[in-house]
Protein backbone atom coordinates (compact mmCIF):
# COMPACT_ATOMS: atom_id res chain seq x y z
CA MET A 1 -35.39 -23.27 40.55
CA SER A 2 -37.32 -20.15 39.63
CA ARG A 3 -36.61 -18.31 36.54
CA ARG A 4 -35.39 -14.90 38.25
CA ARG A 5 -33.11 -16.87 40.67
CA SER A 6 -31.65 -18.90 37.55
CA VAL A 7 -31.09 -15.66 35.92
CA GLY A 8 -29.40 -14.32 39.12
CA LEU A 9 -27.01 -17.13 39.28
CA LEU A 10 -26.03 -16.79 35.60
CA ALA A 11 -25.24 -13.15 36.40
CA LEU A 12 -23.07 -13.87 39.27
CA ALA A 13 -21.16 -16.41 37.08
CA CYS A 14 -20.72 -13.84 34.56
CA ILE A 15 -19.06 -11.56 37.21
CA CYS A 16 -17.12 -14.07 39.07
CA LEU A 17 -15.32 -15.79 36.55
CA ALA A 18 -12.90 -13.88 34.60
CA PRO A 19 -11.77 -14.83 31.03
CA ARG A 20 -8.41 -16.76 30.97
CA PRO A 21 -5.77 -15.42 28.58
CA VAL A 22 -4.17 -18.05 26.24
CA SER A 23 -0.72 -18.45 24.77
CA ALA A 24 -0.99 -19.40 21.29
CA GLN A 25 0.43 -22.84 20.30
CA SER A 26 -1.02 -23.87 17.02
CA VAL A 27 -3.70 -22.13 15.03
CA SER A 28 -6.08 -25.06 15.50
CA ASP A 29 -5.39 -24.81 19.43
CA VAL A 30 -6.25 -21.08 19.27
CA LEU A 31 -9.40 -21.63 17.41
CA THR A 32 -10.50 -24.19 19.60
CA PHE A 33 -9.93 -22.06 22.71
CA LEU A 34 -11.68 -19.04 20.87
CA VAL A 35 -14.86 -21.04 20.21
CA THR A 36 -15.02 -23.60 23.21
CA ASN A 37 -13.78 -21.64 26.35
CA GLN A 38 -16.64 -21.07 28.80
CA ALA A 39 -16.61 -18.30 31.22
CA VAL A 40 -20.46 -18.51 31.65
CA GLN A 41 -22.12 -22.23 31.43
CA THR A 42 -25.41 -22.66 30.04
CA GLY A 43 -26.29 -25.58 32.49
CA SER A 44 -25.00 -28.54 30.72
CA ILE A 45 -21.16 -28.31 30.28
CA GLU A 46 -20.78 -31.35 28.18
CA ARG A 47 -23.44 -30.57 25.72
CA ASP A 48 -22.40 -26.84 25.37
CA GLN A 49 -18.71 -27.89 24.74
CA ALA A 50 -19.75 -30.53 22.25
CA ALA A 51 -21.64 -27.82 20.38
CA ALA A 52 -18.77 -25.53 20.58
CA GLN A 53 -16.37 -28.19 19.36
CA ALA A 54 -18.59 -28.91 16.38
CA THR A 55 -18.44 -25.44 15.53
CA SER A 56 -14.63 -24.93 15.96
CA ALA A 57 -14.06 -28.04 13.76
CA THR A 58 -16.36 -26.66 11.22
CA ILE A 59 -14.39 -23.33 10.99
CA ALA A 60 -11.16 -25.19 10.84
CA ARG A 61 -12.25 -27.39 7.85
CA ALA A 62 -13.48 -24.44 6.06
CA LEU A 63 -10.10 -22.69 6.63
CA LEU A 64 -8.42 -25.98 5.24
CA ALA A 65 -10.72 -26.02 2.25
CA ASN A 66 -9.44 -22.60 1.40
CA LEU A 67 -5.98 -22.96 2.22
CA ALA A 68 -4.76 -26.66 2.45
CA THR A 69 -6.71 -27.63 -0.76
CA LEU A 70 -7.07 -24.44 -2.63
CA PRO A 71 -6.59 -24.50 -6.32
CA VAL A 72 -3.01 -23.68 -7.35
CA ALA A 73 -1.89 -21.80 -10.56
CA THR A 74 -1.53 -24.15 -13.56
CA ALA A 75 2.10 -25.20 -14.01
CA SER A 76 1.63 -24.93 -17.88
CA SER A 77 3.91 -22.20 -19.13
CA GLY A 78 2.75 -19.17 -20.80
CA PHE A 79 4.56 -20.13 -23.96
CA VAL A 80 4.06 -23.67 -25.49
CA TYR A 81 5.94 -25.20 -28.52
CA ARG A 82 5.72 -27.74 -31.03
CA LEU A 83 7.83 -28.99 -33.91
CA ASN A 84 6.55 -27.96 -37.38
CA PRO A 85 7.28 -31.19 -39.51
CA ASP A 86 7.10 -29.15 -42.84
CA LEU A 87 9.76 -26.68 -41.81
CA GLY A 88 11.91 -28.87 -39.08
CA THR A 89 11.73 -25.87 -36.71
CA VAL A 90 9.98 -25.33 -33.60
CA GLU A 91 7.27 -22.56 -33.12
CA ARG A 92 4.68 -21.35 -30.69
CA ALA A 93 1.59 -23.80 -30.43
CA SER A 94 -0.73 -20.98 -29.15
CA ASP A 95 -1.23 -17.07 -29.81
CA THR A 96 -2.62 -16.88 -26.26
CA PHE A 97 -0.46 -17.30 -22.98
CA GLY A 98 -2.85 -19.84 -21.25
CA PRO A 99 -5.31 -19.50 -18.31
CA PHE A 100 -4.68 -18.99 -14.61
CA PHE A 101 -5.99 -21.96 -12.86
CA VAL A 102 -7.82 -23.94 -15.55
CA GLU A 103 -5.63 -26.28 -17.25
CA ARG A 104 -5.17 -26.42 -21.15
CA ALA A 105 -4.68 -29.44 -23.18
CA ILE A 106 -1.79 -28.83 -25.16
CA THR A 107 1.52 -29.65 -23.52
CA ALA A 108 4.88 -27.35 -23.20
CA GLY A 109 6.62 -29.49 -25.87
CA ARG A 110 9.62 -31.87 -25.53
CA GLY A 111 12.52 -30.65 -23.66
CA GLN A 112 10.62 -27.33 -22.94
CA ALA A 113 10.74 -25.99 -19.38
CA SER A 114 9.30 -23.20 -17.29
CA ILE A 115 9.41 -21.90 -13.81
CA GLY A 116 7.07 -19.27 -12.12
CA LEU A 117 6.01 -17.79 -8.73
CA THR A 118 2.48 -16.53 -8.00
CA PHE A 119 1.22 -14.59 -4.86
CA GLN A 120 -2.29 -14.47 -3.56
CA GLN A 121 -3.63 -12.58 -0.68
CA PHE A 122 -6.79 -13.61 1.28
CA HIS A 123 -8.98 -11.65 3.40
CA PHE A 124 -11.55 -13.80 4.81
CA THR A 125 -14.88 -11.92 6.04
CA SER A 126 -17.59 -14.67 6.45
CA ILE A 127 -18.28 -18.42 6.74
CA GLY A 128 -21.61 -19.52 5.34
CA GLY A 129 -22.80 -16.07 4.82
CA HIS A 130 -22.29 -15.23 8.60
CA ASN A 131 -19.87 -12.18 9.14
CA LEU A 132 -16.85 -13.26 10.90
CA ARG A 133 -15.25 -9.96 11.74
CA ASP A 134 -17.99 -7.85 13.41
CA GLY A 135 -18.77 -9.69 16.32
CA SER A 136 -22.05 -10.85 15.25
CA LEU A 137 -21.58 -14.64 14.87
CA VAL A 138 -23.70 -16.13 17.75
CA THR A 139 -22.10 -19.51 19.12
CA THR A 140 -24.46 -20.03 22.02
CA ALA A 141 -27.47 -18.14 23.41
CA ASN A 142 -30.21 -18.69 26.16
CA GLN A 143 -33.60 -17.46 25.82
CA PHE A 144 -36.94 -17.54 27.87
CA VAL A 145 -39.91 -19.16 25.74
CA ASP A 146 -41.93 -16.15 26.43
CA GLU A 147 -39.51 -13.51 25.68
CA PRO A 148 -38.56 -12.29 22.12
CA ALA A 149 -34.75 -12.21 22.41
CA PRO A 150 -32.01 -14.39 24.26
CA PHE A 151 -31.14 -12.90 27.55
CA ASP A 152 -27.87 -14.43 27.64
CA VAL A 153 -25.48 -14.46 24.18
CA ASP A 154 -22.00 -15.47 23.26
CA ARG A 155 -20.83 -13.84 20.15
CA LEU A 156 -17.70 -14.49 18.29
CA ALA A 157 -15.30 -12.29 16.19
CA LEU A 158 -12.45 -13.69 14.02
CA ASN A 159 -9.94 -11.83 11.83
CA ILE A 160 -8.38 -14.39 9.54
CA ASP A 161 -5.83 -13.53 6.66
CA ALA A 162 -3.41 -15.28 4.68
CA SER A 163 -0.91 -14.61 2.04
CA VAL A 164 0.06 -17.74 -0.22
CA ALA A 165 2.94 -17.67 -2.19
CA THR A 166 3.43 -20.59 -4.72
CA LEU A 167 6.61 -21.68 -6.74
CA TYR A 168 5.85 -23.78 -9.92
CA GLY A 169 7.52 -25.43 -12.59
CA ASP A 170 6.96 -27.79 -15.67
CA PHE A 171 8.95 -29.72 -17.99
CA GLY A 172 7.95 -31.45 -21.33
CA VAL A 173 9.19 -34.92 -21.36
CA SER A 174 7.78 -35.47 -24.79
CA ASP A 175 5.44 -33.54 -27.06
CA ARG A 176 2.57 -35.56 -25.41
CA LEU A 177 3.63 -35.87 -21.87
CA GLU A 178 4.25 -32.97 -19.32
CA VAL A 179 5.06 -33.13 -15.72
CA GLY A 180 5.03 -30.35 -13.22
CA PHE A 181 4.85 -29.38 -9.48
CA ALA A 182 3.37 -26.51 -7.15
CA ALA A 183 4.87 -25.61 -3.62
CA PRO A 184 2.73 -23.17 -1.95
CA VAL A 185 3.95 -21.42 1.29
CA VAL A 186 1.34 -19.81 3.49
CA SER A 187 1.45 -17.07 6.05
CA LEU A 188 -1.58 -17.31 8.22
CA ASN A 189 -2.67 -14.77 10.72
CA LEU A 190 -5.80 -15.37 13.08
CA ASP A 191 -6.91 -13.33 16.09
CA GLY A 192 -10.32 -12.96 17.57
CA SER A 193 -12.51 -12.34 20.75
CA ARG A 194 -15.69 -14.10 22.20
CA VAL A 195 -18.01 -11.93 24.34
CA ASN A 196 -20.88 -12.84 26.50
CA THR A 197 -23.70 -10.54 27.00
CA TYR A 198 -26.05 -11.05 29.66
CA ARG A 199 -29.02 -8.43 29.34
CA ALA A 200 -27.02 -5.25 28.92
CA ALA A 201 -23.95 -6.35 30.49
CA SER A 202 -20.93 -7.72 28.39
CA PHE A 203 -18.07 -10.12 29.66
CA THR A 204 -15.09 -10.94 27.41
CA GLN A 205 -14.72 -15.01 27.60
CA ALA A 206 -11.70 -15.39 25.48
CA THR A 207 -9.21 -13.63 23.45
CA ALA A 208 -6.36 -15.09 21.46
CA ALA A 209 -3.96 -14.49 18.48
CA ALA A 210 -2.02 -17.14 16.38
CA HIS A 211 0.37 -16.98 13.59
CA ALA A 212 1.81 -19.56 11.28
CA VAL A 213 4.14 -19.83 8.23
CA GLY A 214 5.18 -22.83 6.36
CA LEU A 215 4.90 -25.13 3.52
CA ALA A 216 1.47 -26.05 2.60
CA ASP A 217 0.71 -29.52 0.79
CA LEU A 218 2.92 -30.20 -2.25
CA VAL A 219 1.39 -30.62 -5.54
CA VAL A 220 3.22 -33.00 -8.43
CA ARG A 221 1.36 -33.48 -11.64
CA ALA A 222 1.41 -35.08 -14.93
CA LYS A 223 -0.63 -34.20 -18.21
CA PHE A 224 -0.76 -36.55 -21.22
CA LEU A 225 -2.00 -35.03 -24.46
CA ALA A 226 -4.36 -37.77 -25.74
CA TYR A 227 -5.66 -35.87 -29.05
CA ARG A 228 -4.86 -32.84 -31.05
CA GLU A 229 -6.05 -31.84 -34.51
CA GLU A 230 -6.49 -28.27 -36.11
CA GLY A 231 -6.73 -26.41 -32.74
CA ALA A 232 -8.82 -29.01 -30.97
CA ALA A 233 -7.06 -31.05 -28.09
CA VAL A 234 -7.97 -33.46 -25.42
CA ALA A 235 -5.58 -34.39 -22.43
CA ALA A 236 -5.85 -36.18 -18.96
CA ALA A 237 -4.08 -35.11 -16.10
CA VAL A 238 -3.36 -36.33 -12.43
CA ASP A 239 -2.46 -34.26 -9.42
CA LEU A 240 -1.03 -35.59 -6.31
CA ARG A 241 -1.30 -33.52 -3.38
CA LEU A 242 1.40 -34.79 -0.74
CA PRO A 243 0.70 -33.98 3.09
CA THR A 244 3.82 -31.47 3.46
CA GLY A 245 1.80 -28.92 5.52
CA ASN A 246 1.42 -28.73 9.16
CA SER A 247 -2.32 -29.77 9.76
CA ALA A 248 -2.29 -28.45 13.34
CA ASN A 249 -1.78 -25.03 11.91
CA LEU A 250 -4.16 -25.52 9.30
CA LEU A 251 -1.59 -25.69 6.53
CA GLY A 252 -2.00 -29.04 5.33
CA ALA A 253 -4.90 -31.56 5.10
CA GLY A 254 -2.94 -34.24 6.79
CA SER A 255 -3.24 -36.83 4.39
CA SER A 256 -2.64 -37.49 0.64
CA SER A 257 -5.23 -36.95 -2.07
CA ALA A 258 -5.36 -37.53 -5.66
CA LYS A 259 -7.06 -35.42 -8.67
CA PHE A 260 -7.96 -37.01 -11.87
CA SER A 261 -9.00 -34.44 -14.64
CA ALA A 262 -10.24 -34.42 -18.28
CA ILE A 263 -9.19 -31.41 -20.15
CA GLY A 264 -10.58 -29.95 -23.64
CA SER A 265 -9.29 -27.07 -25.51
CA LEU A 266 -10.11 -25.31 -28.65
CA GLU A 267 -7.72 -22.78 -29.86
CA THR A 268 -8.42 -21.05 -32.96
CA GLY A 269 -6.19 -17.83 -33.76
CA PRO A 270 -6.36 -15.12 -31.09
CA VAL A 271 -9.10 -16.89 -29.34
CA SER A 272 -8.78 -20.00 -27.08
CA SER A 273 -11.33 -21.88 -24.68
CA HIS A 274 -10.69 -24.44 -22.03
CA VAL A 275 -12.74 -26.83 -20.02
CA ASN A 276 -11.95 -29.17 -17.03
CA LEU A 277 -13.67 -31.78 -15.09
CA GLY A 278 -11.85 -33.24 -12.08
CA ALA A 279 -12.68 -35.69 -9.18
CA THR A 280 -10.34 -35.77 -6.02
CA VAL A 281 -10.17 -38.60 -3.68
CA GLY A 282 -8.64 -38.54 -0.32
CA GLY A 283 -7.36 -35.79 1.57
CA LEU A 284 -9.54 -33.52 3.33
CA ALA A 285 -12.66 -34.75 1.67
CA ASN A 286 -13.79 -36.17 -1.80
CA GLU A 287 -14.36 -33.28 -4.36
CA LEU A 288 -15.60 -32.62 -7.61
CA SER A 289 -14.27 -29.62 -9.39
CA TYR A 290 -15.06 -27.96 -13.06
CA GLY A 291 -13.86 -24.97 -14.63
CA GLY A 292 -13.89 -23.00 -17.97
CA ALA A 293 -11.67 -20.24 -19.43
CA VAL A 294 -11.74 -18.06 -22.40
CA GLY A 295 -8.64 -16.05 -23.69
CA ILE A 296 -8.23 -13.62 -26.21
CA ALA A 297 -4.95 -12.18 -27.41
CA ALA A 298 -5.76 -8.63 -27.50
CA SER A 299 -2.01 -8.06 -28.89
CA SER A 300 0.79 -10.29 -29.43
CA HIS A 301 2.05 -9.29 -26.01
CA VAL A 302 -1.21 -9.25 -24.00
CA THR A 303 -3.94 -12.07 -23.32
CA VAL A 304 -7.23 -11.02 -21.78
CA LEU A 305 -8.70 -13.84 -19.81
CA GLY A 306 -11.91 -15.02 -18.02
CA GLU A 307 -12.32 -18.07 -15.94
CA LEU A 308 -15.31 -19.90 -14.08
CA LEU A 309 -14.21 -22.19 -10.98
CA GLY A 310 -16.42 -24.59 -9.31
CA ARG A 311 -15.88 -27.07 -6.32
CA VAL A 312 -18.38 -29.40 -4.54
CA ILE A 313 -16.70 -30.68 -1.40
CA ARG A 314 -18.01 -33.48 0.55
CA SER A 315 -17.65 -31.83 3.75
CA ALA A 316 -19.55 -29.77 6.31
CA GLY A 317 -19.98 -26.61 4.59
CA GLY A 318 -21.98 -24.25 6.59
CA LEU A 319 -23.54 -23.33 10.03
CA ALA A 320 -27.17 -23.54 11.38
CA THR A 321 -28.46 -22.26 14.65
CA VAL A 322 -30.53 -25.17 16.63
CA SER A 323 -32.73 -24.61 19.45
CA GLN A 324 -33.13 -27.13 22.24
CA PRO A 325 -34.84 -26.99 25.83
CA HIS A 326 -32.07 -26.14 28.64
CA PRO A 327 -31.57 -29.23 30.36
CA THR A 328 -31.75 -27.46 33.86
CA LEU A 329 -33.45 -24.18 33.51
CA HIS A 330 -37.15 -24.34 33.25
CA ASP A 331 -38.68 -22.65 30.20
CA VAL A 332 -35.51 -21.70 28.65
CA GLN A 333 -34.37 -22.69 25.03
CA THR A 334 -30.62 -22.97 24.28
CA LEU A 335 -29.40 -21.85 21.04
CA ARG A 336 -26.30 -23.43 19.56
CA LEU A 337 -24.33 -22.97 16.54
CA VAL A 338 -23.65 -26.40 14.67
CA PRO A 339 -22.76 -27.71 11.18
CA ASP A 340 -25.79 -27.59 8.85
CA GLY A 341 -24.73 -30.76 7.14
CA THR A 342 -24.55 -29.29 3.68
CA TRP A 343 -21.61 -29.84 1.42
CA PHE A 344 -19.32 -26.90 0.42
CA ASN A 345 -20.47 -25.65 -3.12
CA THR A 346 -18.55 -22.77 -4.33
CA VAL A 347 -18.45 -20.93 -7.75
CA SER A 348 -16.07 -18.11 -8.64
CA ILE A 349 -15.23 -16.05 -11.46
CA VAL A 350 -11.47 -14.87 -12.34
CA PRO A 351 -10.97 -12.04 -14.56
CA GLY A 352 -7.40 -10.90 -15.67
CA LEU A 353 -4.69 -10.58 -18.05
CA LYS A 354 -1.28 -12.03 -19.11
CA TRP A 355 1.59 -9.65 -20.33
CA ASN A 356 4.45 -10.65 -22.30
CA LEU A 357 7.11 -8.29 -20.46
CA THR A 358 10.17 -9.21 -22.70
CA GLY A 359 11.34 -12.42 -24.06
CA THR A 360 9.68 -15.28 -22.41
CA TRP A 361 8.62 -13.51 -19.18
CA VAL A 362 5.00 -13.43 -18.60
CA LEU A 363 3.23 -11.30 -16.00
CA ALA A 364 -0.12 -12.61 -14.58
CA ALA A 365 -2.73 -10.54 -12.86
CA ASN A 366 -6.21 -11.33 -11.68
CA VAL A 367 -8.82 -11.41 -9.00
CA THR A 368 -10.92 -14.06 -7.81
CA ILE A 369 -14.53 -13.04 -7.12
CA PRO A 370 -16.89 -15.72 -5.33
CA LEU A 371 -20.39 -15.87 -6.67
CA THR A 372 -21.63 -18.05 -3.56
CA MET A 373 -21.03 -17.75 0.31
CA ALA A 374 -20.41 -21.43 1.09
CA GLY A 375 -17.63 -22.22 3.57
CA LEU A 376 -15.02 -19.42 4.37
CA THR A 377 -15.32 -16.60 1.85
CA ALA A 378 -12.87 -13.78 1.02
CA PRO A 379 -14.72 -11.05 -1.16
CA LEU A 380 -11.89 -10.37 -3.44
CA THR A 381 -8.76 -12.55 -3.77
CA PRO A 382 -5.97 -10.57 -5.68
CA PHE A 383 -3.30 -12.78 -7.64
CA VAL A 384 -0.04 -11.72 -9.34
CA GLY A 385 2.42 -14.18 -10.95
CA LEU A 386 5.53 -14.17 -13.19
CA ASP A 387 6.50 -17.08 -15.54
CA TYR A 388 9.54 -17.59 -17.15
CA VAL A 389 10.48 -20.01 -19.97
CA LEU A 390 14.16 -21.60 -19.86
CA GLY A 391 16.36 -21.72 -22.68
CA ARG A 392 14.25 -19.42 -25.22
């Protein structure tokens, strides 16, 4: 088959095969349709579909890593107490109101309970450094070996936004043992389109949208204070993430996971610092996480905070373009977007503050800023929360 005849057949296919509308079912169904629906085949349907399926799975897992396994706010309350044996009275154990996501070693105190609500807004713009929203993400392309640019290109545009509201609480079983929970509810919106450009002509191959609202994976946790002396404290914690979220709608990982953490804190007067190291097994993938936080009591009512959060997730974290000879068209290379085989390695900073409004009400506000482009990325993620200690 000559080159020009091959190109002509591809052009005819572009014109004759109209894009099919889709009725949104689950979010994963819509995502798969957007990435894999082929109005124009590149010669090997099976091979093209396999590459598109791999791309779809990578985007879905990246979304899960940001939603189903996202770090939830620490359940430890803004106020923590301890018994002063000399006076026989209960007093505040810290001048600061504690970190946002990094856990502190000291516990709430015997019989101490708190409850809180947080809200986060995600506006995802890229995956692995590729822009998702401007229609520049190439999923497949065909190029003659003696031409500088592809003559046939599929480009994907995706708009992904999520709102996450998390109800959390904790209770001091004793002065050393604290238990808590976090229940995130996610509202996820996804819409997009994929356009095929043959030479100068463009043809829409797929358009679709999906919306899902529901409980994500529930977290239950326990923290044990192993050592405390003159402001220094060491603790261990276990977080169990239960598969309560709908995995088809990308709200849950689909299986349970357990996170084991070591926590160290140093609190001296108005300054506190905290270090966490955690390992997660099960769920979406095994993960190593780390974090550090520094808090300064700017006044008796305001704590200024800065946190560093890192995650290494043993799951495909990026996309790469590979080129292979087209199976039927002579002198044509097929470009496909596939998982690049690297792991998620994300680092973020979180500046913010906590403000004691009145009594034991504490308002928290921060913004998460990514320092890496691994996985699905939102440039800025605002966070607000309200914490209340019961019975004080």
